[in-house]
Amino acid sequence: MASVAVFLLALGNSAYAVVGANTPFTCYEAEVGALVGGASVRSLTAAPTNSASSPELEASGHAFVQLTATGQSVTLTNTTGQSITALNVRYSIPDATNGGGISATLDLYVDRIFRQASSLNSTQTWCYQKSGSEHGWSQDPTYGSPHIFYDETHFFRNYSGAR
């Protein structure tokens, strides 16, 4: 299972920026893409009832695309009129039962042509915190509530007309 948020970087167009600093790139959130093969969008549906975090709470826009099986995907179409120069993928994959992380691979296709694979892991992204404690993080799941679910990987290429 992987959670994916994708940022396509196309220089010179910030039309999609709603809040924050003006940036020289365009962001596309994965949840606005076309979902294939059973991929789904998970989003925060109610205000949190406690301080324990969740992947939805930590996701930009409080939503993400969830990929749980081989063949599931999200397709984004470049509507900027400019070449894609980089992709920044923010992802989360489950921790191992006893902590320590697991690994997975995410494949990038451009116009249905395989371009490259990216190795993902959850080794550093799942931390646990005792309830009511602001200090004392651990990577041992028995320690407390999970927090900090995401990591990022980057693809730097010039993908003309990339989807």
N, C-alpha and C. Protein backbone atom coordinates (compact mmCIF):
# COMPACT_ATOMS: atom_id res chain seq x y z
N MET A 1 0.85 -1.17 0.00
CA MET A 1 0.00 0.00 0.00
C MET A 1 0.90 1.23 0.00
N ALA A 2 0.57 2.20 -0.82
CA ALA A 2 1.31 3.46 -0.84
C ALA A 2 0.33 4.60 -0.95
N SER A 3 0.67 5.69 -0.33
CA SER A 3 -0.08 6.93 -0.46
C SER A 3 0.77 7.85 -1.29
N VAL A 4 0.18 8.53 -2.25
CA VAL A 4 0.98 9.31 -3.17
C VAL A 4 0.42 10.70 -3.35
N ALA A 5 1.29 11.68 -3.25
CA ALA A 5 0.97 13.05 -3.65
C ALA A 5 2.04 13.43 -4.65
N VAL A 6 1.65 13.94 -5.80
CA VAL A 6 2.60 14.23 -6.87
C VAL A 6 2.63 15.71 -7.14
N PHE A 7 3.82 16.24 -7.28
CA PHE A 7 4.00 17.64 -7.65
C PHE A 7 4.76 17.66 -8.97
N LEU A 8 4.16 18.20 -10.02
CA LEU A 8 4.84 18.36 -11.29
C LEU A 8 5.42 19.75 -11.32
N LEU A 9 6.67 19.86 -11.64
CA LEU A 9 7.32 21.16 -11.65
C LEU A 9 7.48 21.63 -13.09
N ALA A 10 6.72 22.64 -13.46
CA ALA A 10 6.82 23.26 -14.78
C ALA A 10 7.14 24.72 -14.55
N LEU A 11 8.31 25.13 -14.95
CA LEU A 11 8.76 26.49 -14.65
C LEU A 11 7.85 27.52 -15.30
N GLY A 12 7.63 28.61 -14.55
CA GLY A 12 6.96 29.77 -15.11
C GLY A 12 5.46 29.84 -14.95
N ASN A 13 4.81 28.88 -14.33
CA ASN A 13 3.36 28.91 -14.22
C ASN A 13 2.96 28.61 -12.79
N SER A 14 2.37 29.58 -12.11
CA SER A 14 1.92 29.35 -10.74
C SER A 14 0.40 29.55 -10.65
N ALA A 15 -0.30 29.25 -11.71
CA ALA A 15 -1.74 29.48 -11.77
C ALA A 15 -2.51 28.69 -10.72
N TYR A 16 -1.96 27.56 -10.26
CA TYR A 16 -2.69 26.72 -9.33
C TYR A 16 -2.39 27.07 -7.87
N ALA A 17 -1.44 27.97 -7.64
CA ALA A 17 -1.12 28.35 -6.27
C ALA A 17 -2.29 29.12 -5.66
N VAL A 18 -2.78 28.65 -4.51
CA VAL A 18 -3.91 29.28 -3.86
C VAL A 18 -3.46 30.02 -2.60
N VAL A 19 -2.59 29.41 -1.84
CA VAL A 19 -2.08 30.03 -0.61
C VAL A 19 -0.57 29.88 -0.58
N GLY A 20 0.07 30.67 0.25
CA GLY A 20 1.51 30.56 0.41
C GLY A 20 2.26 31.44 -0.54
N ALA A 21 3.55 31.17 -0.64
CA ALA A 21 4.43 31.99 -1.46
C ALA A 21 4.18 31.77 -2.95
N ASN A 22 4.47 32.81 -3.73
CA ASN A 22 4.45 32.65 -5.19
C ASN A 22 5.68 31.84 -5.56
N THR A 23 5.49 30.81 -6.36
CA THR A 23 6.58 29.92 -6.72
C THR A 23 6.69 29.81 -8.24
N PRO A 24 7.87 29.50 -8.74
CA PRO A 24 8.04 29.39 -10.19
C PRO A 24 7.68 28.01 -10.73
N PHE A 25 6.81 27.29 -10.05
CA PHE A 25 6.41 25.96 -10.52
C PHE A 25 4.92 25.75 -10.27
N THR A 26 4.40 24.73 -10.89
CA THR A 26 3.00 24.37 -10.76
C THR A 26 2.89 23.08 -9.96
N CYS A 27 1.97 23.04 -9.03
CA CYS A 27 1.72 21.83 -8.25
C CYS A 27 0.41 21.20 -8.69
N TYR A 28 0.43 19.91 -8.90
CA TYR A 28 -0.77 19.13 -9.13
C TYR A 28 -0.87 18.16 -7.96
N GLU A 29 -1.98 18.12 -7.31
CA GLU A 29 -2.19 17.14 -6.24
C GLU A 29 -2.68 15.84 -6.88
N ALA A 30 -2.16 14.72 -6.41
CA ALA A 30 -2.49 13.42 -7.00
C ALA A 30 -4.00 13.15 -7.00
N GLU A 31 -4.70 13.65 -5.99
CA GLU A 31 -6.12 13.32 -5.89
C GLU A 31 -6.98 13.96 -6.98
N VAL A 32 -6.43 14.88 -7.79
CA VAL A 32 -7.19 15.45 -8.91
C VAL A 32 -6.94 14.67 -10.20
N GLY A 33 -6.04 13.67 -10.14
CA GLY A 33 -5.72 12.88 -11.32
C GLY A 33 -6.77 11.81 -11.59
N ALA A 34 -6.59 11.13 -12.72
CA ALA A 34 -7.47 10.02 -13.09
C ALA A 34 -6.97 8.76 -12.39
N LEU A 35 -7.84 8.12 -11.64
CA LEU A 35 -7.48 6.92 -10.88
C LEU A 35 -7.78 5.68 -11.70
N VAL A 36 -6.86 4.70 -11.67
CA VAL A 36 -6.98 3.49 -12.48
C VAL A 36 -6.77 2.26 -11.60
N GLY A 37 -7.48 1.19 -11.91
CA GLY A 37 -7.23 -0.11 -11.31
C GLY A 37 -7.61 -0.26 -9.85
N GLY A 38 -8.48 0.58 -9.34
CA GLY A 38 -8.90 0.48 -7.95
C GLY A 38 -8.20 1.46 -7.02
N ALA A 39 -7.35 2.33 -7.57
CA ALA A 39 -6.74 3.37 -6.73
C ALA A 39 -7.87 4.22 -6.16
N SER A 40 -7.66 4.76 -4.97
CA SER A 40 -8.72 5.53 -4.33
C SER A 40 -8.16 6.77 -3.65
N VAL A 41 -9.04 7.73 -3.41
CA VAL A 41 -8.68 8.93 -2.67
C VAL A 41 -9.13 8.75 -1.23
N ARG A 42 -8.22 8.98 -0.31
CA ARG A 42 -8.57 9.02 1.12
C ARG A 42 -8.44 10.45 1.58
N SER A 43 -9.42 10.91 2.33
CA SER A 43 -9.38 12.29 2.82
C SER A 43 -9.91 12.38 4.23
N LEU A 44 -9.51 13.45 4.90
CA LEU A 44 -9.97 13.71 6.25
C LEU A 44 -11.45 14.06 6.15
N THR A 45 -12.30 13.30 6.80
CA THR A 45 -13.74 13.50 6.68
C THR A 45 -14.35 14.20 7.89
N ALA A 46 -13.60 14.24 8.98
CA ALA A 46 -14.08 14.91 10.19
C ALA A 46 -12.88 15.46 10.94
N ALA A 47 -13.14 16.44 11.76
CA ALA A 47 -12.06 17.02 12.57
C ALA A 47 -11.48 15.94 13.48
N PRO A 48 -10.16 15.96 13.71
CA PRO A 48 -9.57 14.97 14.60
C PRO A 48 -10.16 15.06 16.00
N THR A 49 -10.34 13.91 16.63
CA THR A 49 -10.92 13.88 17.98
C THR A 49 -9.85 13.86 19.07
N ASN A 50 -8.59 13.68 18.65
CA ASN A 50 -7.49 13.69 19.61
C ASN A 50 -6.24 14.20 18.90
N SER A 51 -5.14 14.26 19.64
CA SER A 51 -3.91 14.79 19.07
C SER A 51 -3.16 13.77 18.23
N ALA A 52 -3.63 12.52 18.21
CA ALA A 52 -2.96 11.51 17.40
C ALA A 52 -3.11 11.86 15.92
N SER A 53 -2.03 11.75 15.22
CA SER A 53 -2.02 12.12 13.82
C SER A 53 -2.53 10.97 12.95
N SER A 54 -2.74 11.28 11.68
CA SER A 54 -3.13 10.28 10.69
C SER A 54 -2.53 10.69 9.36
N PRO A 55 -2.37 9.75 8.43
CA PRO A 55 -1.87 10.15 7.11
C PRO A 55 -2.74 11.23 6.46
N GLU A 56 -4.05 11.16 6.65
CA GLU A 56 -4.94 12.19 6.08
C GLU A 56 -4.66 13.55 6.69
N LEU A 57 -4.46 13.60 7.99
CA LEU A 57 -4.21 14.86 8.67
C LEU A 57 -2.89 15.48 8.22
N GLU A 58 -1.88 14.65 7.97
CA GLU A 58 -0.57 15.15 7.56
C GLU A 58 -0.45 15.41 6.06
N ALA A 59 -1.39 14.92 5.26
CA ALA A 59 -1.31 15.10 3.81
C ALA A 59 -1.65 16.54 3.43
N SER A 60 -0.99 17.04 2.38
CA SER A 60 -1.34 18.37 1.89
C SER A 60 -2.80 18.32 1.42
N GLY A 61 -3.57 19.31 1.79
CA GLY A 61 -4.99 19.30 1.45
C GLY A 61 -5.79 18.26 2.20
N HIS A 62 -5.16 17.56 3.15
CA HIS A 62 -5.79 16.52 3.96
C HIS A 62 -6.39 15.40 3.12
N ALA A 63 -5.76 15.11 1.97
CA ALA A 63 -6.22 14.01 1.11
C ALA A 63 -5.03 13.45 0.35
N PHE A 64 -5.14 12.19 -0.07
CA PHE A 64 -4.09 11.56 -0.86
C PHE A 64 -4.69 10.43 -1.68
N VAL A 65 -3.93 9.98 -2.68
CA VAL A 65 -4.32 8.81 -3.47
C VAL A 65 -3.68 7.59 -2.82
N GLN A 66 -4.49 6.56 -2.62
CA GLN A 66 -4.00 5.33 -2.03
C GLN A 66 -3.89 4.25 -3.10
N LEU A 67 -2.70 3.68 -3.22
CA LEU A 67 -2.43 2.58 -4.14
C LEU A 67 -2.16 1.35 -3.28
N THR A 68 -2.98 0.32 -3.41
CA THR A 68 -2.83 -0.85 -2.54
C THR A 68 -2.45 -2.12 -3.29
N ALA A 69 -2.34 -2.05 -4.62
CA ALA A 69 -2.02 -3.26 -5.39
C ALA A 69 -1.30 -2.90 -6.68
N THR A 70 -0.55 -3.86 -7.19
CA THR A 70 0.11 -3.69 -8.48
C THR A 70 -0.94 -3.40 -9.53
N GLY A 71 -0.67 -2.45 -10.42
CA GLY A 71 -1.60 -2.09 -11.48
C GLY A 71 -2.45 -0.88 -11.16
N GLN A 72 -2.48 -0.48 -9.91
CA GLN A 72 -3.21 0.74 -9.56
C GLN A 72 -2.33 1.93 -9.89
N SER A 73 -2.98 3.03 -10.33
CA SER A 73 -2.19 4.19 -10.71
C SER A 73 -3.04 5.45 -10.66
N VAL A 74 -2.33 6.56 -10.76
CA VAL A 74 -2.95 7.87 -10.90
C VAL A 74 -2.28 8.54 -12.09
N THR A 75 -3.08 9.13 -12.97
CA THR A 75 -2.56 9.81 -14.16
C THR A 75 -2.84 11.29 -14.06
N LEU A 76 -1.81 12.08 -14.24
CA LEU A 76 -1.94 13.52 -14.24
C LEU A 76 -1.58 14.03 -15.63
N THR A 77 -2.32 15.02 -16.11
CA THR A 77 -2.07 15.59 -17.43
C THR A 77 -1.47 16.98 -17.28
N ASN A 78 -0.37 17.21 -17.97
CA ASN A 78 0.30 18.50 -17.95
C ASN A 78 -0.52 19.49 -18.79
N THR A 79 -1.12 20.46 -18.12
CA THR A 79 -1.91 21.48 -18.83
C THR A 79 -1.23 22.84 -18.80
N THR A 80 0.06 22.88 -18.48
CA THR A 80 0.76 24.16 -18.34
C THR A 80 1.24 24.71 -19.67
N GLY A 81 1.35 23.87 -20.70
CA GLY A 81 1.91 24.31 -21.97
C GLY A 81 3.43 24.35 -21.94
N GLN A 82 4.03 23.87 -20.86
CA GLN A 82 5.48 23.86 -20.72
C GLN A 82 5.96 22.45 -20.41
N SER A 83 7.22 22.20 -20.65
CA SER A 83 7.80 20.89 -20.35
C SER A 83 7.91 20.69 -18.84
N ILE A 84 7.73 19.46 -18.43
CA ILE A 84 7.93 19.10 -17.03
C ILE A 84 9.42 18.92 -16.82
N THR A 85 9.96 19.59 -15.82
CA THR A 85 11.39 19.49 -15.55
C THR A 85 11.70 18.61 -14.35
N ALA A 86 10.71 18.38 -13.50
CA ALA A 86 10.95 17.55 -12.33
C ALA A 86 9.63 17.09 -11.75
N LEU A 87 9.67 15.98 -11.06
CA LEU A 87 8.53 15.46 -10.31
C LEU A 87 8.98 15.30 -8.87
N ASN A 88 8.16 15.73 -7.95
CA ASN A 88 8.40 15.51 -6.54
C ASN A 88 7.24 14.68 -6.04
N VAL A 89 7.51 13.47 -5.61
CA VAL A 89 6.47 12.57 -5.14
C VAL A 89 6.59 12.43 -3.63
N ARG A 90 5.54 12.83 -2.94
CA ARG A 90 5.47 12.67 -1.48
C ARG A 90 4.70 11.39 -1.23
N TYR A 91 5.27 10.47 -0.48
CA TYR A 91 4.65 9.16 -0.34
C TYR A 91 4.69 8.67 1.11
N SER A 92 3.84 7.70 1.36
CA SER A 92 3.83 7.00 2.64
C SER A 92 3.54 5.53 2.37
N ILE A 93 4.35 4.67 2.93
CA ILE A 93 4.06 3.24 2.87
C ILE A 93 4.07 2.73 4.30
N PRO A 94 3.37 1.64 4.57
CA PRO A 94 3.25 1.17 5.95
C PRO A 94 4.59 0.83 6.59
N ASP A 95 4.62 0.87 7.89
CA ASP A 95 5.77 0.42 8.64
C ASP A 95 5.68 -1.10 8.76
N ALA A 96 6.80 -1.73 9.02
CA ALA A 96 6.79 -3.16 9.32
C ALA A 96 6.10 -3.36 10.66
N THR A 97 5.55 -4.53 10.89
CA THR A 97 4.81 -4.82 12.11
C THR A 97 5.60 -4.48 13.36
N ASN A 98 6.87 -4.82 13.37
CA ASN A 98 7.72 -4.55 14.52
C ASN A 98 8.57 -3.29 14.36
N GLY A 99 8.21 -2.43 13.41
CA GLY A 99 8.99 -1.23 13.14
C GLY A 99 10.13 -1.53 12.18
N GLY A 100 10.88 -0.51 11.84
CA GLY A 100 12.04 -0.72 10.98
C GLY A 100 11.78 -0.51 9.51
N GLY A 101 10.52 -0.37 9.11
CA GLY A 101 10.19 -0.03 7.74
C GLY A 101 10.11 -1.19 6.77
N ILE A 102 9.53 -0.91 5.61
CA ILE A 102 9.48 -1.84 4.48
C ILE A 102 9.86 -1.06 3.23
N SER A 103 10.06 -1.77 2.12
CA SER A 103 10.43 -1.16 0.85
C SER A 103 9.41 -1.48 -0.21
N ALA A 104 9.33 -0.62 -1.22
CA ALA A 104 8.45 -0.82 -2.36
C ALA A 104 9.03 -0.05 -3.54
N THR A 105 8.46 -0.23 -4.71
CA THR A 105 8.91 0.47 -5.90
C THR A 105 7.74 1.20 -6.53
N LEU A 106 7.97 2.42 -6.98
CA LEU A 106 6.97 3.21 -7.69
C LEU A 106 7.51 3.45 -9.09
N ASP A 107 6.75 3.08 -10.11
CA ASP A 107 7.17 3.25 -11.49
C ASP A 107 6.58 4.51 -12.09
N LEU A 108 7.38 5.22 -12.87
CA LEU A 108 6.96 6.42 -13.57
C LEU A 108 6.80 6.11 -15.05
N TYR A 109 5.63 6.42 -15.58
CA TYR A 109 5.35 6.27 -17.00
C TYR A 109 5.03 7.65 -17.56
N VAL A 110 5.53 7.95 -18.73
CA VAL A 110 5.23 9.20 -19.43
C VAL A 110 4.64 8.81 -20.78
N ASP A 111 3.42 9.26 -21.03
CA ASP A 111 2.70 8.88 -22.25
C ASP A 111 2.69 7.37 -22.44
N ARG A 112 2.43 6.65 -21.36
CA ARG A 112 2.32 5.19 -21.31
C ARG A 112 3.63 4.46 -21.58
N ILE A 113 4.75 5.16 -21.55
CA ILE A 113 6.06 4.56 -21.75
C ILE A 113 6.80 4.59 -20.42
N PHE A 114 7.28 3.42 -19.98
CA PHE A 114 8.02 3.34 -18.73
C PHE A 114 9.26 4.20 -18.82
N ARG A 115 9.47 5.08 -17.83
CA ARG A 115 10.65 5.94 -17.80
C ARG A 115 11.63 5.54 -16.71
N GLN A 116 11.15 5.29 -15.51
CA GLN A 116 12.06 4.89 -14.45
C GLN A 116 11.29 4.41 -13.22
N ALA A 117 12.00 3.66 -12.39
CA ALA A 117 11.44 3.19 -11.13
C ALA A 117 12.12 3.96 -10.00
N SER A 118 11.39 4.14 -8.93
CA SER A 118 11.94 4.81 -7.76
C SER A 118 11.74 3.89 -6.56
N SER A 119 12.80 3.67 -5.83
CA SER A 119 12.73 2.84 -4.62
C SER A 119 12.17 3.68 -3.48
N LEU A 120 11.17 3.15 -2.81
CA LEU A 120 10.55 3.82 -1.66
C LEU A 120 10.79 2.97 -0.43
N ASN A 121 10.81 3.62 0.73
CA ASN A 121 10.88 2.84 1.97
C ASN A 121 10.27 3.66 3.10
N SER A 122 9.93 2.97 4.15
CA SER A 122 9.35 3.64 5.32
C SER A 122 10.29 3.58 6.52
N THR A 123 11.56 3.36 6.25
CA THR A 123 12.53 3.18 7.33
C THR A 123 12.60 4.39 8.26
N GLN A 124 12.61 5.59 7.71
CA GLN A 124 12.75 6.80 8.52
C GLN A 124 11.44 7.55 8.74
N THR A 125 10.35 7.11 8.13
CA THR A 125 9.15 7.95 8.12
C THR A 125 8.14 7.65 9.20
N TRP A 126 8.18 6.51 9.82
CA TRP A 126 7.22 6.19 10.86
C TRP A 126 7.88 6.35 12.22
N CYS A 127 7.41 7.33 12.98
CA CYS A 127 7.87 7.55 14.34
C CYS A 127 6.67 7.40 15.26
N TYR A 128 6.92 7.04 16.48
CA TYR A 128 5.85 6.79 17.45
C TYR A 128 6.11 7.64 18.69
N GLN A 129 5.00 8.13 19.26
CA GLN A 129 5.08 9.04 20.40
C GLN A 129 4.10 8.60 21.47
N LYS A 130 4.56 8.62 22.71
CA LYS A 130 3.66 8.29 23.82
C LYS A 130 2.57 9.34 23.92
N SER A 131 1.37 8.92 24.20
CA SER A 131 0.24 9.83 24.34
C SER A 131 0.52 10.88 25.40
N GLY A 132 0.28 12.14 25.06
CA GLY A 132 0.47 13.24 25.98
C GLY A 132 1.90 13.69 26.13
N SER A 133 2.82 13.08 25.40
CA SER A 133 4.24 13.44 25.50
C SER A 133 4.67 14.21 24.26
N GLU A 134 5.32 15.34 24.46
CA GLU A 134 5.86 16.11 23.34
C GLU A 134 7.28 15.67 23.02
N HIS A 135 7.88 14.87 23.87
CA HIS A 135 9.25 14.43 23.68
C HIS A 135 9.29 12.90 23.73
N GLY A 136 10.38 12.35 23.32
CA GLY A 136 10.54 10.92 23.43
C GLY A 136 9.97 10.15 22.27
N TRP A 137 10.46 10.41 21.07
CA TRP A 137 10.04 9.69 19.88
C TRP A 137 10.78 8.37 19.78
N SER A 138 10.15 7.40 19.14
CA SER A 138 10.77 6.10 18.94
C SER A 138 10.32 5.54 17.60
N GLN A 139 11.11 4.63 17.03
CA GLN A 139 10.67 3.92 15.83
C GLN A 139 10.10 2.55 16.17
N ASP A 140 9.85 2.31 17.44
CA ASP A 140 9.26 1.08 17.92
C ASP A 140 7.75 1.29 18.03
N PRO A 141 6.94 0.55 17.25
CA PRO A 141 5.48 0.73 17.27
C PRO A 141 4.83 0.53 18.64
N THR A 142 5.46 -0.18 19.55
CA THR A 142 4.88 -0.38 20.88
C THR A 142 5.00 0.87 21.74
N TYR A 143 5.75 1.86 21.27
CA TYR A 143 6.01 3.06 22.04
C TYR A 143 4.79 3.98 22.15
N GLY A 144 3.94 4.01 21.12
CA GLY A 144 2.78 4.88 21.18
C GLY A 144 2.14 5.11 19.82
N SER A 145 1.54 6.29 19.67
CA SER A 145 0.80 6.64 18.45
C SER A 145 1.74 6.99 17.30
N PRO A 146 1.40 6.54 16.07
CA PRO A 146 2.26 6.86 14.91
C PRO A 146 2.13 8.32 14.51
N HIS A 147 3.19 8.84 13.91
CA HIS A 147 3.26 10.22 13.46
C HIS A 147 4.37 10.31 12.40
N ILE A 148 4.32 11.32 11.57
CA ILE A 148 5.30 11.58 10.52
C ILE A 148 5.34 10.38 9.56
N PHE A 149 4.39 10.33 8.67
CA PHE A 149 4.21 9.19 7.79
C PHE A 149 4.89 9.34 6.43
N TYR A 150 5.26 10.55 6.04
CA TYR A 150 5.65 10.82 4.66
C TYR A 150 7.13 11.01 4.46
N ASP A 151 7.58 10.67 3.27
CA ASP A 151 8.92 10.95 2.78
C ASP A 151 8.73 11.44 1.34
N GLU A 152 9.80 11.82 0.70
CA GLU A 152 9.70 12.31 -0.68
C GLU A 152 10.77 11.66 -1.54
N THR A 153 10.45 11.53 -2.81
CA THR A 153 11.42 11.11 -3.81
C THR A 153 11.27 12.06 -4.99
N HIS A 154 12.34 12.19 -5.75
CA HIS A 154 12.36 13.18 -6.82
C HIS A 154 12.77 12.54 -8.14
N PHE A 155 12.15 12.99 -9.20
CA PHE A 155 12.53 12.61 -10.56
C PHE A 155 12.92 13.91 -11.26
N PHE A 156 14.14 14.00 -11.77
CA PHE A 156 14.57 15.19 -12.49
C PHE A 156 14.88 14.81 -13.93
N ARG A 157 14.03 15.21 -14.82
CA ARG A 157 14.20 14.97 -16.24
C ARG A 157 13.41 16.04 -16.98
N ASN A 158 13.64 16.15 -18.23
CA ASN A 158 12.84 17.07 -19.04
C ASN A 158 11.80 16.22 -19.79
N TYR A 159 10.60 16.17 -19.25
CA TYR A 159 9.53 15.38 -19.83
C TYR A 159 8.61 16.31 -20.61
N SER A 160 8.84 16.45 -21.88
CA SER A 160 8.03 17.32 -22.73
C SER A 160 6.63 16.71 -22.87
N GLY A 161 5.63 17.49 -22.51
CA GLY A 161 4.25 17.01 -22.62
C GLY A 161 3.92 15.89 -21.67
N ALA A 162 4.64 15.78 -20.59
CA ALA A 162 4.47 14.65 -19.66
C ALA A 162 3.08 14.58 -19.07
N ARG A 163 2.65 13.35 -18.85
CA ARG A 163 1.38 13.12 -18.16
C ARG A 163 1.65 12.36 -16.90
